Amino acid sequence: MNTSRPIRARISPAAILHNYRQAKASAPDAWAWAVVKADAYGHGQLRAVEALQGEADGFALLECENAVALRESGVRQPILLLEGIFSERDAQQVVKHGLHSAVHCLEQIDMLVAHARADRPLSIYLKLNTGMNRLGFDEATLPLAWERLKRIPAVNLTLMTHFAEADGERGVLWQLERFQALAGEWHGPVSLGNSAAILRHPLAHGDWVRPGIMLYGASPFADQSADSFGLQPAMALESRIIGVQTVKTGDRIGYGGTYTAERPMRIGIVACGYADGYPRSAPTGTPIAVAGQMTRTLGRVSMDMLACDLNDLPEAGIGAPVTLWGRGAAGYVPADEVAAAAGTIAYELFCALAPRVPVAVDGQ
């Protein structure tokens, strides 16, 4: 998409591939599902798949129709439906296209039983609820699941769970204990580690790990940067200065006048706002790079614009390049730092990128 407005997002396939390799290096004894759900966390599902096509052990996503589209585009690696199936039609597609499917409720098992074939083994990821309390079988429902799974004539089974606090102080050991209690004498494959577990909890990897946010160059931790793990930002959000104002001491900036100038100042106006996916909650002081130097936002983010401090950038005027997050032409602004300032996480920044923002792909 071309647009006269200067904002754009730039995606680096090389960074996605590098980050996948970092995940593999951090979990050397496991296979790794490349998690490309939510349009690859806003980076473009097909772009991410193309970046990893030669190396990914498999791809994990949510929608059956997207999995089928990948199959029809020539993807031969395993494809896992992380939330399983939602309809009889999905069950038919799982069998037809050899998809892997999570199973977290009895109704899903029943739909798969109805379409199972002896000559096409189903690959099922049986999800155990070990404390996340979103999806999965617990002590009461797991025996029923085992009984119904016996109705499937041919099945390859993996047990999986999801960690609720791998990025926090509580960690994963308490969930691993519950997993082991539920799994009992199970000696088959298991899928455990998300990005946080891959990077910080080597005992919680399992046979298949599921790197998500780390593929896109952000950290799952509030207290440790993506750089410290050797991750590279895969998205840069860039724009330019489209206006410059000189304000006096006491002048207020933007809607609501939430920032008051403490001295005479030069203010740059950037073509980027919350309608582009930049968080409206980002306060004064959120990091931003202009013409190769770090500076700060000022005042409230509006729909199409935001203000930044040009006081120490006398050469920066209309047309000066701006990096909102990522490694852009104007400098490097970690998405995690922007997200922290706005009271959110980089996951949300990436996923909130608006359709109106044109996307460029490095190397294309």
Protein backbone atom coordinates (compact mmCIF):
# COMPACT_ATOMS: atom_id res chain seq x y z
CA MET A 1 0.00 0.00 0.00
CA ASN A 2 1.34 3.42 -1.00
CA THR A 3 0.33 6.59 0.77
CA SER A 4 1.45 10.19 0.67
CA ARG A 5 1.54 10.35 4.44
CA PRO A 6 5.09 9.64 5.71
CA ILE A 7 4.32 6.98 8.32
CA ARG A 8 5.25 3.36 7.59
CA ALA A 9 6.14 0.10 9.32
CA ARG A 10 9.21 -1.77 8.17
CA ILE A 11 9.51 -5.53 8.72
CA SER A 12 12.81 -7.43 8.80
CA PRO A 13 12.51 -11.10 7.76
CA ALA A 14 16.19 -11.54 8.63
CA ALA A 15 15.47 -10.49 12.22
CA ILE A 16 12.60 -13.00 12.50
CA LEU A 17 14.89 -15.77 11.27
CA HIS A 18 17.67 -14.68 13.63
CA ASN A 19 15.28 -14.69 16.58
CA TYR A 20 13.97 -18.15 15.70
CA ARG A 21 17.54 -19.39 15.70
CA GLN A 22 18.03 -17.79 19.11
CA ALA A 23 15.01 -19.72 20.37
CA LYS A 24 16.46 -22.95 19.01
CA ALA A 25 19.83 -22.19 20.59
CA SER A 26 18.14 -21.52 23.94
CA ALA A 27 16.24 -24.84 23.76
CA PRO A 28 18.73 -27.03 21.87
CA ASP A 29 17.05 -30.32 22.71
CA ALA A 30 13.57 -29.30 21.56
CA TRP A 31 11.72 -28.75 18.33
CA ALA A 32 10.20 -25.28 18.03
CA TRP A 33 6.79 -24.20 16.82
CA ALA A 34 7.10 -20.73 15.30
CA VAL A 35 4.01 -18.99 16.70
CA VAL A 36 2.49 -16.87 13.93
CA LYS A 37 -0.94 -16.25 15.47
CA ALA A 38 -2.51 -12.77 15.42
CA ASP A 39 -1.06 -12.17 11.95
CA ALA A 40 2.38 -13.02 13.34
CA TYR A 41 1.92 -10.51 16.16
CA GLY A 42 1.15 -7.80 13.62
CA HIS A 43 4.14 -8.57 11.40
CA GLY A 44 2.19 -10.42 8.71
CA GLN A 45 1.63 -14.17 8.91
CA LEU A 46 2.79 -14.90 5.37
CA ARG A 47 5.85 -12.68 5.82
CA ALA A 48 6.86 -14.55 8.95
CA VAL A 49 6.25 -17.95 7.36
CA GLU A 50 8.30 -16.99 4.31
CA ALA A 51 11.12 -15.79 6.57
CA LEU A 52 11.17 -19.15 8.38
CA GLN A 53 10.12 -21.50 5.59
CA GLY A 54 13.47 -23.19 5.30
CA GLU A 55 14.10 -23.62 9.02
CA ALA A 56 10.99 -23.69 11.20
CA ASP A 57 10.10 -27.09 12.64
CA GLY A 58 6.45 -26.10 12.45
CA PHE A 59 4.04 -23.17 12.61
CA ALA A 60 1.41 -22.51 15.29
CA LEU A 61 -1.64 -20.31 14.85
CA LEU A 62 -5.35 -20.13 15.68
CA GLU A 63 -7.62 -20.14 12.67
CA CYS A 64 -8.18 -23.29 10.67
CA GLU A 65 -8.72 -21.32 7.45
CA ASN A 66 -5.29 -19.71 7.85
CA ALA A 67 -3.71 -23.12 8.39
CA VAL A 68 -5.39 -24.41 5.24
CA ALA A 69 -4.17 -21.35 3.33
CA LEU A 70 -0.61 -22.14 4.39
CA ARG A 71 -1.00 -25.75 3.27
CA GLU A 72 -2.37 -24.62 -0.09
CA SER A 73 0.52 -22.18 -0.49
CA GLY A 74 2.96 -25.07 -0.23
CA VAL A 75 3.88 -25.17 3.47
CA ARG A 76 4.71 -28.79 4.28
CA GLN A 77 5.90 -28.40 7.88
CA PRO A 78 3.56 -29.33 10.73
CA ILE A 79 0.90 -26.72 11.49
CA LEU A 80 -0.65 -26.59 14.96
CA LEU A 81 -4.04 -25.07 15.83
CA LEU A 82 -3.31 -23.66 19.29
CA GLU A 83 -6.98 -23.38 20.32
CA GLY A 84 -8.06 -26.44 18.40
CA ILE A 85 -11.19 -26.66 16.30
CA PHE A 86 -14.43 -24.69 16.53
CA SER A 87 -16.72 -26.63 14.17
CA GLU A 88 -17.31 -29.87 12.30
CA ARG A 89 -15.89 -28.20 9.21
CA ASP A 90 -12.65 -27.51 11.08
CA ALA A 91 -12.49 -31.18 12.06
CA GLN A 92 -12.82 -32.17 8.42
CA GLN A 93 -10.01 -29.81 7.44
CA VAL A 94 -7.73 -31.15 10.19
CA VAL A 95 -8.09 -34.64 8.73
CA LYS A 96 -7.87 -33.54 5.09
CA HIS A 97 -4.76 -31.38 5.49
CA GLY A 98 -2.96 -33.30 8.22
CA LEU A 99 -3.09 -30.45 10.73
CA HIS A 100 -2.09 -30.78 14.36
CA SER A 101 -4.86 -29.71 16.71
CA ALA A 102 -4.92 -28.78 20.34
CA VAL A 103 -7.81 -30.33 22.26
CA HIS A 104 -8.99 -28.62 25.43
CA CYS A 105 -12.59 -29.81 25.85
CA LEU A 106 -14.64 -32.96 25.31
CA GLU A 107 -16.68 -31.38 22.53
CA GLN A 108 -13.55 -31.01 20.40
CA ILE A 109 -12.68 -34.67 20.88
CA ASP A 110 -16.19 -35.67 19.82
CA MET A 111 -15.96 -33.63 16.61
CA LEU A 112 -12.61 -35.19 15.75
CA VAL A 113 -13.89 -38.70 16.53
CA ALA A 114 -16.71 -38.16 14.04
CA HIS A 115 -14.25 -37.51 11.21
CA ALA A 116 -11.26 -39.64 12.19
CA ARG A 117 -9.90 -42.19 9.71
CA ALA A 118 -7.73 -45.20 10.39
CA ASP A 119 -5.52 -44.42 7.41
CA ARG A 120 -4.84 -40.83 8.53
CA PRO A 121 -3.57 -40.63 12.11
CA LEU A 122 -4.68 -37.53 13.95
CA SER A 123 -1.99 -35.43 15.63
CA ILE A 124 -3.54 -34.15 18.84
CA TYR A 125 -2.12 -31.85 21.50
CA LEU A 126 -4.06 -32.65 24.66
CA LYS A 127 -4.10 -29.48 26.75
CA LEU A 128 -3.85 -29.77 30.53
CA ASN A 129 -4.98 -26.97 32.82
CA THR A 130 -2.14 -26.64 35.31
CA GLY A 131 -3.06 -23.25 36.75
CA MET A 132 -3.61 -20.82 33.89
CA ASN A 133 -7.34 -21.59 34.20
CA ARG A 134 -8.24 -20.60 30.68
CA LEU A 135 -8.38 -23.83 28.67
CA GLY A 136 -7.59 -27.47 29.29
CA PHE A 137 -8.47 -30.59 31.23
CA ASP A 138 -8.08 -30.89 34.98
CA GLU A 139 -8.29 -33.74 37.49
CA ALA A 140 -12.05 -34.05 37.02
CA THR A 141 -12.25 -33.95 33.24
CA LEU A 142 -9.00 -35.59 32.13
CA PRO A 143 -10.19 -39.20 32.72
CA LEU A 144 -13.17 -38.51 30.45
CA ALA A 145 -10.82 -37.16 27.80
CA TRP A 146 -8.66 -40.27 27.91
CA GLU A 147 -11.74 -42.47 27.46
CA ARG A 148 -13.04 -40.53 24.47
CA LEU A 149 -9.63 -40.41 22.81
CA LYS A 150 -9.80 -44.21 22.63
CA ARG A 151 -12.53 -43.83 20.01
CA ILE A 152 -10.04 -42.36 17.53
CA PRO A 153 -8.66 -45.24 15.44
CA ALA A 154 -5.20 -43.72 14.91
CA VAL A 155 -3.71 -40.88 16.93
CA ASN A 156 -0.34 -39.29 17.66
CA LEU A 157 -0.67 -37.65 21.05
CA THR A 158 1.31 -34.87 22.71
CA LEU A 159 0.53 -33.38 26.11
CA MET A 160 0.75 -29.62 26.44
CA THR A 161 0.19 -26.86 28.96
CA HIS A 162 0.68 -23.11 29.10
CA PHE A 163 2.61 -21.22 31.76
CA ALA A 164 0.86 -18.35 33.50
CA GLU A 165 3.84 -16.79 35.28
CA ALA A 166 7.00 -17.87 33.48
CA ASP A 167 7.85 -14.16 33.26
CA GLY A 168 7.24 -13.49 36.97
CA GLU A 169 8.52 -14.30 40.43
CA ARG A 170 6.33 -17.38 40.86
CA GLY A 171 7.94 -19.05 37.87
CA VAL A 172 6.97 -22.44 36.49
CA LEU A 173 7.85 -25.14 39.02
CA TRP A 174 4.41 -25.12 40.62
CA GLN A 175 2.81 -25.73 37.22
CA LEU A 176 5.33 -28.38 36.28
CA GLU A 177 4.38 -30.27 39.44
CA ARG A 178 0.70 -30.10 38.50
CA PHE A 179 1.52 -31.17 34.95
CA GLN A 180 3.43 -34.20 36.17
CA ALA A 181 0.59 -35.12 38.53
CA LEU A 182 -1.94 -34.95 35.70
CA ALA A 183 0.29 -36.71 33.17
CA GLY A 184 0.92 -39.63 35.53
CA GLU A 185 2.82 -42.39 33.74
CA TRP A 186 2.86 -40.57 30.41
CA HIS A 187 6.20 -40.99 28.61
CA GLY A 188 5.27 -39.55 25.24
CA PRO A 189 6.08 -36.08 23.86
CA VAL A 190 5.16 -32.89 25.70
CA SER A 191 5.00 -29.24 24.66
CA LEU A 192 5.68 -26.73 27.43
CA GLY A 193 7.88 -23.70 26.92
CA ASN A 194 6.66 -20.30 25.76
CA SER A 195 9.14 -17.47 25.12
CA ALA A 196 9.65 -16.72 28.81
CA ALA A 197 10.23 -20.37 29.68
CA ILE A 198 12.56 -20.84 26.73
CA LEU A 199 14.76 -17.97 27.89
CA ARG A 200 14.66 -18.38 31.67
CA HIS A 201 13.47 -21.90 32.62
CA PRO A 202 15.45 -24.65 30.87
CA LEU A 203 13.68 -27.39 32.84
CA ALA A 204 10.39 -26.27 31.32
CA HIS A 205 11.08 -26.71 27.61
CA GLY A 206 9.67 -30.13 26.81
CA ASP A 207 9.96 -31.80 23.42
CA TRP A 208 8.32 -28.89 21.60
CA VAL A 209 8.69 -25.23 22.61
CA ARG A 210 6.46 -22.43 21.35
CA PRO A 211 8.40 -19.18 20.83
CA GLY A 212 6.08 -16.24 20.26
CA ILE A 213 7.01 -12.69 21.21
CA MET A 214 10.74 -13.44 21.09
CA LEU A 215 10.44 -14.21 17.37
CA TYR A 216 9.58 -10.57 16.81
CA GLY A 217 12.40 -9.13 18.87
CA ALA A 218 10.71 -8.14 22.10
CA SER A 219 11.32 -9.44 25.60
CA PRO A 220 8.72 -11.34 27.64
CA PHE A 221 10.25 -9.84 30.80
CA ALA A 222 9.80 -6.44 32.39
CA ASP A 223 13.24 -6.64 34.00
CA GLN A 224 15.39 -7.85 31.11
CA SER A 225 15.76 -6.38 27.65
CA ALA A 226 15.45 -8.11 24.32
CA ASP A 227 19.02 -7.00 23.55
CA SER A 228 20.30 -8.97 26.53
CA PHE A 229 19.01 -12.16 24.90
CA GLY A 230 20.52 -11.31 21.53
CA LEU A 231 17.12 -10.66 19.95
CA GLN A 232 16.70 -8.28 17.04
CA PRO A 233 13.66 -6.02 16.50
CA ALA A 234 11.64 -7.26 13.55
CA MET A 235 9.39 -4.19 13.22
CA ALA A 236 10.26 -0.52 12.99
CA LEU A 237 7.52 2.11 13.06
CA GLU A 238 8.80 5.22 11.31
CA SER A 239 7.50 8.64 10.34
CA ARG A 240 8.66 12.23 9.90
CA ILE A 241 8.29 15.65 11.47
CA ILE A 242 5.47 17.46 9.65
CA GLY A 243 5.36 20.62 11.73
CA VAL A 244 7.44 22.68 14.15
CA GLN A 245 6.12 25.07 16.79
CA THR A 246 7.99 27.47 19.09
CA VAL A 247 6.22 27.85 22.41
CA LYS A 248 6.73 30.10 25.41
CA THR A 249 7.10 29.19 29.06
CA GLY A 250 3.66 28.23 30.37
CA ASP A 251 2.19 27.27 26.99
CA ARG A 252 0.32 23.99 26.96
CA ILE A 253 0.69 21.29 24.34
CA GLY A 254 -2.07 19.29 22.66
CA TYR A 255 -5.50 18.06 23.72
CA GLY A 256 -6.26 18.68 27.35
CA GLY A 257 -3.09 20.71 27.78
CA THR A 258 -1.52 17.85 29.71
CA TYR A 259 2.01 19.17 29.20
CA THR A 260 3.04 22.73 30.13
CA ALA A 261 6.30 24.12 28.79
CA GLU A 262 8.74 24.87 31.60
CA ARG A 263 10.77 27.14 29.28
CA PRO A 264 10.75 28.38 25.68
CA MET A 265 10.76 25.25 23.52
CA ARG A 266 10.77 23.89 19.98
CA ILE A 267 8.07 21.30 19.50
CA GLY A 268 8.04 18.79 16.65
CA ILE A 269 4.78 17.36 15.35
CA VAL A 270 5.01 13.76 14.11
CA ALA A 271 2.65 12.10 11.63
CA CYS A 272 1.66 9.27 13.96
CA GLY A 273 -1.27 8.86 16.34
CA TYR A 274 -3.49 6.32 17.98
CA ALA A 275 -5.31 5.67 14.70
CA ASP A 276 -1.99 4.28 13.47
CA GLY A 277 -1.68 1.99 16.48
CA TYR A 278 0.53 4.17 18.65
CA PRO A 279 -0.80 3.93 22.23
CA ARG A 280 -2.88 6.90 23.34
CA SER A 281 -1.83 6.06 26.89
CA ALA A 282 1.81 6.96 26.13
CA PRO A 283 2.58 9.89 28.46
CA THR A 284 4.99 12.76 28.22
CA GLY A 285 8.49 11.32 28.33
CA THR A 286 7.90 8.26 26.18
CA PRO A 287 11.12 7.66 24.23
CA ILE A 288 11.25 8.59 20.56
CA ALA A 289 14.15 9.09 18.15
CA VAL A 290 14.43 12.07 15.80
CA ALA A 291 17.21 12.50 13.25
CA GLY A 292 19.53 10.09 15.02
CA GLN A 293 18.99 11.36 18.58
CA MET A 294 16.80 10.18 21.40
CA THR A 295 14.21 12.58 22.74
CA ARG A 296 10.74 12.38 24.32
CA THR A 297 7.08 12.77 23.48
CA LEU A 298 5.15 15.69 24.91
CA GLY A 299 1.49 15.87 25.87
CA ARG A 300 -1.36 13.66 24.80
CA VAL A 301 -1.23 11.47 21.71
CA SER A 302 -3.98 12.46 19.29
CA MET A 303 -5.61 10.48 16.50
CA ASP A 304 -3.14 11.34 13.75
CA MET A 305 -0.28 13.20 15.42
CA LEU A 306 1.89 13.43 18.48
CA ALA A 307 4.33 16.04 19.75
CA CYS A 308 7.99 15.62 20.65
CA ASP A 309 10.73 17.72 22.23
CA LEU A 310 13.15 19.28 19.71
CA ASN A 311 14.88 21.61 22.17
CA ASP A 312 18.20 19.80 21.94
CA LEU A 313 17.84 19.04 18.22
CA PRO A 314 18.25 22.43 16.53
CA GLU A 315 18.88 20.83 13.13
CA ALA A 316 15.67 18.77 13.21
CA GLY A 317 12.91 20.42 11.24
CA ILE A 318 10.10 19.51 8.89
CA GLY A 319 10.94 16.26 7.12
CA ALA A 320 13.31 14.98 9.81
CA PRO A 321 13.06 11.19 10.19
CA VAL A 322 11.41 9.77 13.30
CA THR A 323 11.50 6.28 14.83
CA LEU A 324 8.52 5.52 17.06
CA TRP A 325 9.78 2.04 17.93
CA GLY A 326 12.23 -0.48 16.55
CA ARG A 327 15.46 0.04 14.65
CA GLY A 328 14.61 2.76 12.18
CA ALA A 329 16.35 5.39 10.10
CA ALA A 330 16.22 7.88 12.97
CA GLY A 331 17.66 5.53 15.61
CA TYR A 332 16.80 2.56 17.81
CA VAL A 333 13.85 2.80 20.19
CA PRO A 334 13.14 -0.53 21.97
CA ALA A 335 9.46 -1.36 21.65
CA ASP A 336 9.55 -2.70 25.20
CA GLU A 337 10.49 0.76 26.51
CA VAL A 338 7.68 2.46 24.59
CA ALA A 339 5.25 -0.16 25.86
CA ALA A 340 6.42 0.19 29.46
CA ALA A 341 5.98 3.96 29.31
CA ALA A 342 2.44 3.46 28.00
CA GLY A 343 1.59 0.89 30.67
CA THR A 344 1.30 -2.00 28.24
CA ILE A 345 3.49 -4.63 26.56
CA ALA A 346 5.18 -4.84 23.17
CA TYR A 347 2.77 -7.62 22.15
CA GLU A 348 -0.03 -5.05 22.14
CA LEU A 349 1.97 -2.44 20.23
CA PHE A 350 2.72 -4.88 17.42
CA CYS A 351 -0.77 -6.35 17.24
CA ALA A 352 -2.38 -2.88 17.28
CA LEU A 353 -0.58 -1.65 14.16
CA ALA A 354 -3.39 -0.13 12.11
CA PRO A 355 -4.31 -1.33 8.60
CA ARG A 356 -3.84 2.21 7.29
CA VAL A 357 -0.10 2.07 8.01
CA PRO A 358 1.78 0.95 4.89
CA VAL A 359 4.27 -1.88 5.40
CA ALA A 360 7.65 -2.21 3.74
CA VAL A 361 9.71 -5.41 3.89
CA ASP A 362 13.48 -5.25 4.05
CA GLY A 363 15.05 -6.80 0.98
CA GLN A 364 11.95 -6.36 -1.18
